[in-house]
């Protein structure tokens, strides 16, 4: 499975599995299916309303409105979804893939716009052949819009049960050591989990050390001398899960 190594804003390298071609095609088919459902409902509702109020003489108006709605949905569907659904369309969300920026952060509005604009080449002028060839032969499985915008499409879940590992409930008798973990976000916790997972797989302690130092500095906490950086990160995960679990009760 091809992967992309992302350097996050914390200067930590994290690997993501790249969404394969079949995932992207399946997501697009789901989007088309939903697109047709929404379009059919909208057109049926508008047609019935116009004909009930204006009679059969409004056929020309219905035709114009049909074309306008089709064009609006066709042109803006992907852009609107990615802007307001954090890099996902409904199809991508169902397949658990999303658009990310290669700099490690969430894509900017400008990057989403570039991806959208270059759909003219990827999906329009080339009838999809440009996108297929680029995704098939580029290292990061990018279409032209991704290459220009500095983005790619990756899987959002690892091969194991992500929720159980990252946001697993802490034991009832767990005594949190760092109340300051409340300052962290779910994204920070995901990053900590990924670094721990990376260490368990590669034994690269440098990532653990760098992240532990940054988390320690951000939270303005210290830990006992008999606790190493790996153990500190595990403590932070457990403390965060403890507070999150209590908040949700």
C-alpha atoms as a PDB file:
ATOM      1  CA  UNK A   1       0.000   0.000   0.000  1.00  0.00           C
ATOM      2  CA  UNK A   2       1.611   3.334  -1.060  1.00  0.00           C
ATOM      3  CA  UNK A   3       2.018   5.853   1.739  1.00  0.00           C
ATOM      4  CA  UNK A   4       2.620   9.582   2.002  1.00  0.00           C
ATOM      5  CA  UNK A   5       4.979  10.942   4.633  1.00  0.00           C
ATOM      6  CA  UNK A   6       3.636  14.223   5.989  1.00  0.00           C
ATOM      7  CA  UNK A   7       5.708  16.639   8.050  1.00  0.00           C
ATOM      8  CA  UNK A   8       3.276  18.231  10.480  1.00  0.00           C
ATOM      9  CA  UNK A   9       3.448  21.724  11.925  1.00  0.00           C
ATOM     10  CA  UNK A  10       5.124  20.098  14.954  1.00  0.00           C
ATOM     11  CA  UNK A  11       7.934  18.858  12.631  1.00  0.00           C
ATOM     12  CA  UNK A  12       6.845  15.259  13.099  1.00  0.00           C
ATOM     13  CA  UNK A  13       6.786  12.862  10.154  1.00  0.00           C
ATOM     14  CA  UNK A  14       3.598  10.806   9.924  1.00  0.00           C
ATOM     15  CA  UNK A  15       2.744   8.256   7.243  1.00  0.00           C
ATOM     16  CA  UNK A  16      -0.715   8.045   5.698  1.00  0.00           C
ATOM     17  CA  UNK A  17      -1.986   5.268   3.443  1.00  0.00           C
ATOM     18  CA  UNK A  18      -2.816   6.727   0.051  1.00  0.00           C
ATOM     19  CA  UNK A  19      -6.369   6.162  -1.159  1.00  0.00           C
ATOM     20  CA  UNK A  20      -6.176   3.678  -3.997  1.00  0.00           C
ATOM     21  CA  UNK A  21      -7.782   4.151  -7.374  1.00  0.00           C
ATOM     22  CA  UNK A  22     -10.721   1.863  -6.645  1.00  0.00           C
ATOM     23  CA  UNK A  23     -11.565   3.835  -3.470  1.00  0.00           C
ATOM     24  CA  UNK A  24     -11.665   7.085  -5.406  1.00  0.00           C
ATOM     25  CA  UNK A  25     -13.796   5.606  -8.185  1.00  0.00           C
ATOM     26  CA  UNK A  26     -16.203   4.079  -5.665  1.00  0.00           C
ATOM     27  CA  UNK A  27     -16.477   7.392  -3.826  1.00  0.00           C
ATOM     28  CA  UNK A  28     -17.230   9.169  -7.106  1.00  0.00           C
ATOM     29  CA  UNK A  29     -19.952   6.648  -7.986  1.00  0.00           C
ATOM     30  CA  UNK A  30     -21.567   7.167  -4.577  1.00  0.00           C
ATOM     31  CA  UNK A  31     -21.448  10.925  -5.142  1.00  0.00           C
ATOM     32  CA  UNK A  32     -23.097  10.537  -8.557  1.00  0.00           C
ATOM     33  CA  UNK A  33     -25.818   8.358  -7.050  1.00  0.00           C
ATOM     34  CA  UNK A  34     -26.556  10.907  -4.301  1.00  0.00           C
ATOM     35  CA  UNK A  35     -26.289  13.686  -6.862  1.00  0.00           C
ATOM     36  CA  UNK A  36     -29.010  12.115  -8.999  1.00  0.00           C
ATOM     37  CA  UNK A  37     -31.273  11.573  -5.985  1.00  0.00           C
ATOM     38  CA  UNK A  38     -30.966  15.206  -4.872  1.00  0.00           C
ATOM     39  CA  UNK A  39     -31.383  16.436  -8.427  1.00  0.00           C
ATOM     40  CA  UNK A  40     -34.480  14.302  -9.029  1.00  0.00           C
ATOM     41  CA  UNK A  41     -36.127  15.424  -5.786  1.00  0.00           C
ATOM     42  CA  UNK A  42     -35.360  19.090  -6.475  1.00  0.00           C
ATOM     43  CA  UNK A  43     -36.623  18.977 -10.047  1.00  0.00           C
ATOM     44  CA  UNK A  44     -39.784  17.051  -9.156  1.00  0.00           C
ATOM     45  CA  UNK A  45     -40.624  19.450  -6.327  1.00  0.00           C
ATOM     46  CA  UNK A  46     -40.012  22.570  -8.405  1.00  0.00           C
ATOM     47  CA  UNK A  47     -41.864  21.198 -11.428  1.00  0.00           C
ATOM     48  CA  UNK A  48     -44.947  20.326  -9.399  1.00  0.00           C
ATOM     49  CA  UNK A  49     -44.915  23.706  -7.688  1.00  0.00           C
ATOM     50  CA  UNK A  50     -44.636  25.684 -10.922  1.00  0.00           C
ATOM     51  CA  UNK A  51     -47.265  23.657 -12.770  1.00  0.00           C
ATOM     52  CA  UNK A  52     -49.689  23.811  -9.847  1.00  0.00           C
ATOM     53  CA  UNK A  53     -49.368  27.581  -9.713  1.00  0.00           C
ATOM     54  CA  UNK A  54     -48.802  28.538 -13.338  1.00  0.00           C
ATOM     55  CA  UNK A  55     -50.220  25.663 -15.386  1.00  0.00           C
ATOM     56  CA  UNK A  56     -48.765  23.927 -18.401  1.00  0.00           C
ATOM     57  CA  UNK A  57     -47.607  27.234 -19.904  1.00  0.00           C
ATOM     58  CA  UNK A  58     -44.634  27.155 -17.555  1.00  0.00           C
ATOM     59  CA  UNK A  59     -42.899  24.265 -19.348  1.00  0.00           C
ATOM     60  CA  UNK A  60     -40.195  26.560 -20.684  1.00  0.00           C
ATOM     61  CA  UNK A  61     -39.510  27.928 -17.201  1.00  0.00           C
ATOM     62  CA  UNK A  62     -39.271  24.385 -15.830  1.00  0.00           C
ATOM     63  CA  UNK A  63     -36.753  23.511 -18.536  1.00  0.00           C
ATOM     64  CA  UNK A  64     -34.561  26.506 -17.715  1.00  0.00           C
ATOM     65  CA  UNK A  65     -34.674  25.808 -13.991  1.00  0.00           C
ATOM     66  CA  UNK A  66     -33.795  22.157 -14.655  1.00  0.00           C
ATOM     67  CA  UNK A  67     -30.682  23.175 -16.566  1.00  0.00           C
ATOM     68  CA  UNK A  68     -29.636  25.745 -13.928  1.00  0.00           C
ATOM     69  CA  UNK A  69     -29.968  23.264 -11.059  1.00  0.00           C
ATOM     70  CA  UNK A  70     -28.068  20.596 -12.992  1.00  0.00           C
ATOM     71  CA  UNK A  71     -25.218  22.979 -13.785  1.00  0.00           C
ATOM     72  CA  UNK A  72     -25.048  24.340 -10.235  1.00  0.00           C
ATOM     73  CA  UNK A  73     -24.870  20.885  -8.682  1.00  0.00           C
ATOM     74  CA  UNK A  74     -22.394  19.631 -11.290  1.00  0.00           C
ATOM     75  CA  UNK A  75     -20.052  22.593 -10.948  1.00  0.00           C
ATOM     76  CA  UNK A  76     -20.110  23.325  -7.228  1.00  0.00           C
ATOM     77  CA  UNK A  77     -20.839  19.987  -5.535  1.00  0.00           C
ATOM     78  CA  UNK A  78     -17.226  18.948  -4.929  1.00  0.00           C
ATOM     79  CA  UNK A  79     -16.005  22.397  -3.926  1.00  0.00           C
ATOM     80  CA  UNK A  80     -18.808  23.011  -1.428  1.00  0.00           C
ATOM     81  CA  UNK A  81     -18.485  19.524   0.082  1.00  0.00           C
ATOM     82  CA  UNK A  82     -14.720  19.727   0.525  1.00  0.00           C
ATOM     83  CA  UNK A  83     -14.881  23.229   2.006  1.00  0.00           C
ATOM     84  CA  UNK A  84     -17.561  22.408   4.561  1.00  0.00           C
ATOM     85  CA  UNK A  85     -16.886  18.696   5.190  1.00  0.00           C
ATOM     86  CA  UNK A  86     -13.151  18.918   5.932  1.00  0.00           C
ATOM     87  CA  UNK A  87     -11.873  17.620   2.616  1.00  0.00           C
ATOM     88  CA  UNK A  88     -14.583  15.044   2.013  1.00  0.00           C
ATOM     89  CA  UNK A  89     -17.614  14.596  -0.160  1.00  0.00           C
ATOM     90  CA  UNK A  90     -20.362  12.213   0.934  1.00  0.00           C
ATOM     91  CA  UNK A  91     -18.755   9.531  -1.199  1.00  0.00           C
ATOM     92  CA  UNK A  92     -15.298  10.101   0.288  1.00  0.00           C
ATOM     93  CA  UNK A  93     -16.730  10.062   3.801  1.00  0.00           C
ATOM     94  CA  UNK A  94     -18.481   6.747   3.210  1.00  0.00           C
ATOM     95  CA  UNK A  95     -15.225   5.248   1.878  1.00  0.00           C
ATOM     96  CA  UNK A  96     -13.212   6.829   4.733  1.00  0.00           C
ATOM     97  CA  UNK A  97     -10.895   8.854   2.515  1.00  0.00           C
ATOM     98  CA  UNK A  98     -10.239  12.584   2.457  1.00  0.00           C
ATOM     99  CA  UNK A  99      -8.207  15.365   0.886  1.00  0.00           C
ATOM    100  CA  UNK A 100      -5.151  16.493   2.859  1.00  0.00           C
ATOM    101  CA  UNK A 101      -2.427  19.034   2.259  1.00  0.00           C
ATOM    102  CA  UNK A 102       1.068  17.682   1.726  1.00  0.00           C
ATOM    103  CA  UNK A 103       2.386  20.193   4.283  1.00  0.00           C
ATOM    104  CA  UNK A 104       0.607  18.296   7.045  1.00  0.00           C
ATOM    105  CA  UNK A 105      -2.231  20.711   7.710  1.00  0.00           C
ATOM    106  CA  UNK A 106      -5.800  21.022   6.599  1.00  0.00           C
ATOM    107  CA  UNK A 107      -5.970  22.268   2.991  1.00  0.00           C
ATOM    108  CA  UNK A 108      -6.566  25.988   2.661  1.00  0.00           C
ATOM    109  CA  UNK A 109      -9.456  27.526   0.758  1.00  0.00           C
ATOM    110  CA  UNK A 110      -6.954  28.337  -2.001  1.00  0.00           C
ATOM    111  CA  UNK A 111      -5.915  24.699  -2.288  1.00  0.00           C
ATOM    112  CA  UNK A 112      -9.521  23.544  -2.489  1.00  0.00           C
ATOM    113  CA  UNK A 113     -10.146  26.154  -5.183  1.00  0.00           C
ATOM    114  CA  UNK A 114      -7.138  24.987  -7.209  1.00  0.00           C
ATOM    115  CA  UNK A 115      -8.296  21.363  -7.044  1.00  0.00           C
ATOM    116  CA  UNK A 116     -11.737  22.509  -8.147  1.00  0.00           C
ATOM    117  CA  UNK A 117     -10.537  24.699 -11.017  1.00  0.00           C
ATOM    118  CA  UNK A 118      -8.303  21.968 -12.437  1.00  0.00           C
ATOM    119  CA  UNK A 119     -11.238  19.578 -12.561  1.00  0.00           C
ATOM    120  CA  UNK A 120     -11.835  21.294 -15.912  1.00  0.00           C
ATOM    121  CA  UNK A 121      -8.762  19.455 -17.202  1.00  0.00           C
ATOM    122  CA  UNK A 122      -8.956  16.351 -15.019  1.00  0.00           C
ATOM    123  CA  UNK A 123     -12.614  15.562 -15.618  1.00  0.00           C
ATOM    124  CA  UNK A 124     -13.777  17.958 -18.332  1.00  0.00           C
ATOM    125  CA  UNK A 125     -11.502  18.549 -21.304  1.00  0.00           C
ATOM    126  CA  UNK A 126      -9.845  15.130 -21.006  1.00  0.00           C
ATOM    127  CA  UNK A 127     -13.121  13.322 -20.151  1.00  0.00           C
ATOM    128  CA  UNK A 128     -11.450  11.932 -17.021  1.00  0.00           C
ATOM    129  CA  UNK A 129      -8.466  10.383 -18.799  1.00  0.00           C
ATOM    130  CA  UNK A 130      -6.002  12.940 -17.385  1.00  0.00           C
ATOM    131  CA  UNK A 131      -7.124  12.205 -13.826  1.00  0.00           C
ATOM    132  CA  UNK A 132      -6.967   8.442 -14.369  1.00  0.00           C
ATOM    133  CA  UNK A 133      -3.444   8.563 -15.833  1.00  0.00           C
ATOM    134  CA  UNK A 134      -2.106  10.904 -13.147  1.00  0.00           C
ATOM    135  CA  UNK A 135      -3.578   8.897 -10.271  1.00  0.00           C
ATOM    136  CA  UNK A 136      -2.245   5.697 -11.828  1.00  0.00           C
ATOM    137  CA  UNK A 137       1.331   6.866 -12.400  1.00  0.00           C
ATOM    138  CA  UNK A 138       2.180   9.542  -9.817  1.00  0.00           C
ATOM    139  CA  UNK A 139       3.884   8.456  -6.601  1.00  0.00           C
ATOM    140  CA  UNK A 140       1.285  10.131  -4.372  1.00  0.00           C
ATOM    141  CA  UNK A 141      -1.657   9.049  -6.555  1.00  0.00           C
ATOM    142  CA  UNK A 142      -2.498  12.660  -7.409  1.00  0.00           C
ATOM    143  CA  UNK A 143      -4.589  13.996 -10.235  1.00  0.00           C
ATOM    144  CA  UNK A 144      -3.479  17.241 -11.903  1.00  0.00           C
ATOM    145  CA  UNK A 145      -5.511  19.356  -9.484  1.00  0.00           C
ATOM    146  CA  UNK A 146      -3.797  17.661  -6.531  1.00  0.00           C
ATOM    147  CA  UNK A 147      -0.339  18.217  -8.000  1.00  0.00           C
ATOM    148  CA  UNK A 148      -0.981  21.930  -8.567  1.00  0.00           C
ATOM    149  CA  UNK A 149      -2.664  22.431  -5.188  1.00  0.00           C
ATOM    150  CA  UNK A 150      -0.174  20.369  -3.183  1.00  0.00           C
ATOM    151  CA  UNK A 151      -2.796  17.900  -1.946  1.00  0.00           C
ATOM    152  CA  UNK A 152      -3.546  14.216  -2.082  1.00  0.00           C
ATOM    153  CA  UNK A 153      -6.326  11.840  -1.053  1.00  0.00           C
ATOM    154  CA  UNK A 154      -5.550   9.471   1.821  1.00  0.00           C
ATOM    155  CA  UNK A 155      -7.310   6.934   3.986  1.00  0.00           C
ATOM    156  CA  UNK A 156      -8.590   8.326   7.274  1.00  0.00           C
ATOM    157  CA  UNK A 157      -8.409   5.081   9.263  1.00  0.00           C
ATOM    158  CA  UNK A 158      -5.503   2.704   9.983  1.00  0.00           C
ATOM    159  CA  UNK A 159      -5.765  -1.044   9.467  1.00  0.00           C
ATOM    160  CA  UNK A 160      -6.712  -1.674  13.100  1.00  0.00           C
ATOM    161  CA  UNK A 161      -9.579  -0.301  15.191  1.00  0.00           C
ATOM    162  CA  UNK A 162      -8.537   3.320  15.454  1.00  0.00           C
ATOM    163  CA  UNK A 163     -11.226   4.422  17.918  1.00  0.00           C
ATOM    164  CA  UNK A 164     -10.379   1.707  20.401  1.00  0.00           C
ATOM    165  CA  UNK A 165      -6.727   2.730  20.461  1.00  0.00           C
ATOM    166  CA  UNK A 166      -6.987   6.504  20.454  1.00  0.00           C
ATOM    167  CA  UNK A 167     -10.188   7.295  22.302  1.00  0.00           C
ATOM    168  CA  UNK A 168     -10.545   4.147  24.395  1.00  0.00           C
ATOM    169  CA  UNK A 169     -12.155   4.783  27.781  1.00  0.00           C
ATOM    170  CA  UNK A 170      -9.641   4.876  30.617  1.00  0.00           C
ATOM    171  CA  UNK A 171      -9.975   2.513  33.605  1.00  0.00           C
ATOM    172  CA  UNK A 172     -12.393   3.678  36.276  1.00  0.00           C
ATOM    173  CA  UNK A 173      -9.591   3.894  38.850  1.00  0.00           C
ATOM    174  CA  UNK A 174      -7.324   5.905  36.560  1.00  0.00           C
ATOM    175  CA  UNK A 175      -5.751   8.881  38.319  1.00  0.00           C
ATOM    176  CA  UNK A 176      -4.880  11.571  35.745  1.00  0.00           C
ATOM    177  CA  UNK A 177      -1.494  13.196  36.152  1.00  0.00           C
ATOM    178  CA  UNK A 178      -1.916  16.175  33.852  1.00  0.00           C
ATOM    179  CA  UNK A 179      -5.122  18.193  33.991  1.00  0.00           C
ATOM    180  CA  UNK A 180      -3.520  20.418  31.348  1.00  0.00           C
ATOM    181  CA  UNK A 181      -4.344  17.839  28.648  1.00  0.00           C
ATOM    182  CA  UNK A 182      -7.709  19.592  28.398  1.00  0.00           C
ATOM    183  CA  UNK A 183      -5.854  22.177  26.269  1.00  0.00           C
ATOM    184  CA  UNK A 184      -5.230  19.563  23.582  1.00  0.00           C
ATOM    185  CA  UNK A 185      -7.547  18.816  20.685  1.00  0.00           C
ATOM    186  CA  UNK A 186      -8.608  15.513  19.168  1.00  0.00           C
ATOM    187  CA  UNK A 187      -6.195  16.220  16.336  1.00  0.00           C
ATOM    188  CA  UNK A 188      -3.312  16.539  18.810  1.00  0.00           C
ATOM    189  CA  UNK A 189      -4.282  13.215  20.357  1.00  0.00           C
ATOM    190  CA  UNK A 190      -4.431  11.559  16.952  1.00  0.00           C
ATOM    191  CA  UNK A 191      -0.920  12.852  16.276  1.00  0.00           C
ATOM    192  CA  UNK A 192       0.354  11.442  19.590  1.00  0.00           C
ATOM    193  CA  UNK A 193      -1.261   8.109  18.804  1.00  0.00           C
ATOM    194  CA  UNK A 194       0.302   8.014  15.347  1.00  0.00           C
ATOM    195  CA  UNK A 195       3.757   8.741  16.740  1.00  0.00           C
ATOM    196  CA  UNK A 196       3.384   5.969  19.333  1.00  0.00           C
ATOM    197  CA  UNK A 197       2.191   3.585  16.626  1.00  0.00           C
ATOM    198  CA  UNK A 198       5.136   4.588  14.445  1.00  0.00           C
ATOM    199  CA  UNK A 199       7.554   3.924  17.320  1.00  0.00           C
ATOM    200  CA  UNK A 200       6.053   0.495  17.986  1.00  0.00           C
ATOM    201  CA  UNK A 201       6.531  -0.370  14.340  1.00  0.00           C
ATOM    202  CA  UNK A 202       9.928   1.197  13.607  1.00  0.00           C
ATOM    203  CA  UNK A 203      11.486   1.834  17.040  1.00  0.00           C
ATOM    204  CA  UNK A 204      12.337   5.347  15.863  1.00  0.00           C
ATOM    205  CA  UNK A 205      12.654   7.063  19.246  1.00  0.00           C
ATOM    206  CA  UNK A 206      13.498  10.463  17.733  1.00  0.00           C
ATOM    207  CA  UNK A 207       9.870  11.131  16.826  1.00  0.00           C
ATOM    208  CA  UNK A 208       8.746  10.235  20.341  1.00  0.00           C
ATOM    209  CA  UNK A 209      11.391  12.467  21.904  1.00  0.00           C
ATOM    210  CA  UNK A 210      10.605  15.482  19.712  1.00  0.00           C
ATOM    211  CA  UNK A 211       6.855  15.255  20.220  1.00  0.00           C
ATOM    212  CA  UNK A 212       7.161  14.699  23.984  1.00  0.00           C
ATOM    213  CA  UNK A 213       9.301  17.812  24.324  1.00  0.00           C
ATOM    214  CA  UNK A 214       6.841  19.888  22.309  1.00  0.00           C
ATOM    215  CA  UNK A 215       3.809  18.596  24.253  1.00  0.00           C
ATOM    216  CA  UNK A 216       5.609  19.190  27.540  1.00  0.00           C
ATOM    217  CA  UNK A 217       6.443  22.756  26.515  1.00  0.00           C
ATOM    218  CA  UNK A 218       2.942  23.468  25.182  1.00  0.00           C
ATOM    219  CA  UNK A 219       1.236  22.201  28.343  1.00  0.00           C
ATOM    220  CA  UNK A 220       3.926  23.728  30.566  1.00  0.00           C
ATOM    221  CA  UNK A 221       4.237  20.545  32.608  1.00  0.00           C
ATOM    222  CA  UNK A 222       7.049  18.353  33.852  1.00  0.00           C
ATOM    223  CA  UNK A 223       7.175  14.637  34.493  1.00  0.00           C
ATOM    224  CA  UNK A 224       9.207  12.524  36.952  1.00  0.00           C
ATOM    225  CA  UNK A 225      12.743  11.548  36.031  1.00  0.00           C
ATOM    226  CA  UNK A 226      11.770   7.882  36.074  1.00  0.00           C
ATOM    227  CA  UNK A 227       9.214   8.506  33.282  1.00  0.00           C
ATOM    228  CA  UNK A 228      10.620   8.497  29.762  1.00  0.00           C
ATOM    229  CA  UNK A 229       9.206  10.355  26.752  1.00  0.00           C
ATOM    230  CA  UNK A 230       7.271   7.332  25.475  1.00  0.00           C
ATOM    231  CA  UNK A 231       5.642   6.788  28.859  1.00  0.00           C
ATOM    232  CA  UNK A 232       4.827  10.489  29.066  1.00  0.00           C
ATOM    233  CA  UNK A 233       2.960  10.381  25.757  1.00  0.00           C
ATOM    234  CA  UNK A 234       1.033   7.297  26.901  1.00  0.00           C
ATOM    235  CA  UNK A 235       0.128   9.133  30.124  1.00  0.00           C
ATOM    236  CA  UNK A 236      -1.143  12.077  28.076  1.00  0.00           C
ATOM    237  CA  UNK A 237      -3.318   9.763  25.985  1.00  0.00           C
ATOM    238  CA  UNK A 238      -4.758   8.081  29.061  1.00  0.00           C
ATOM    239  CA  UNK A 239      -5.390  11.395  30.809  1.00  0.00           C
ATOM    240  CA  UNK A 240      -7.098  12.844  27.759  1.00  0.00           C
ATOM    241  CA  UNK A 241      -9.318   9.781  27.398  1.00  0.00           C
ATOM    242  CA  UNK A 242     -10.161  10.044  31.094  1.00  0.00           C
ATOM    243  CA  UNK A 243     -11.311  13.652  30.802  1.00  0.00           C
ATOM    244  CA  UNK A 244     -13.120  13.076  27.518  1.00  0.00           C
ATOM    245  CA  UNK A 245     -14.880  10.037  28.955  1.00  0.00           C
ATOM    246  CA  UNK A 246     -16.010  11.940  32.048  1.00  0.00           C
ATOM    247  CA  UNK A 247     -17.204  14.853  29.926  1.00  0.00           C
ATOM    248  CA  UNK A 248     -19.363  12.576  27.784  1.00  0.00           C
ATOM    249  CA  UNK A 249     -21.024  10.830  30.752  1.00  0.00           C
END
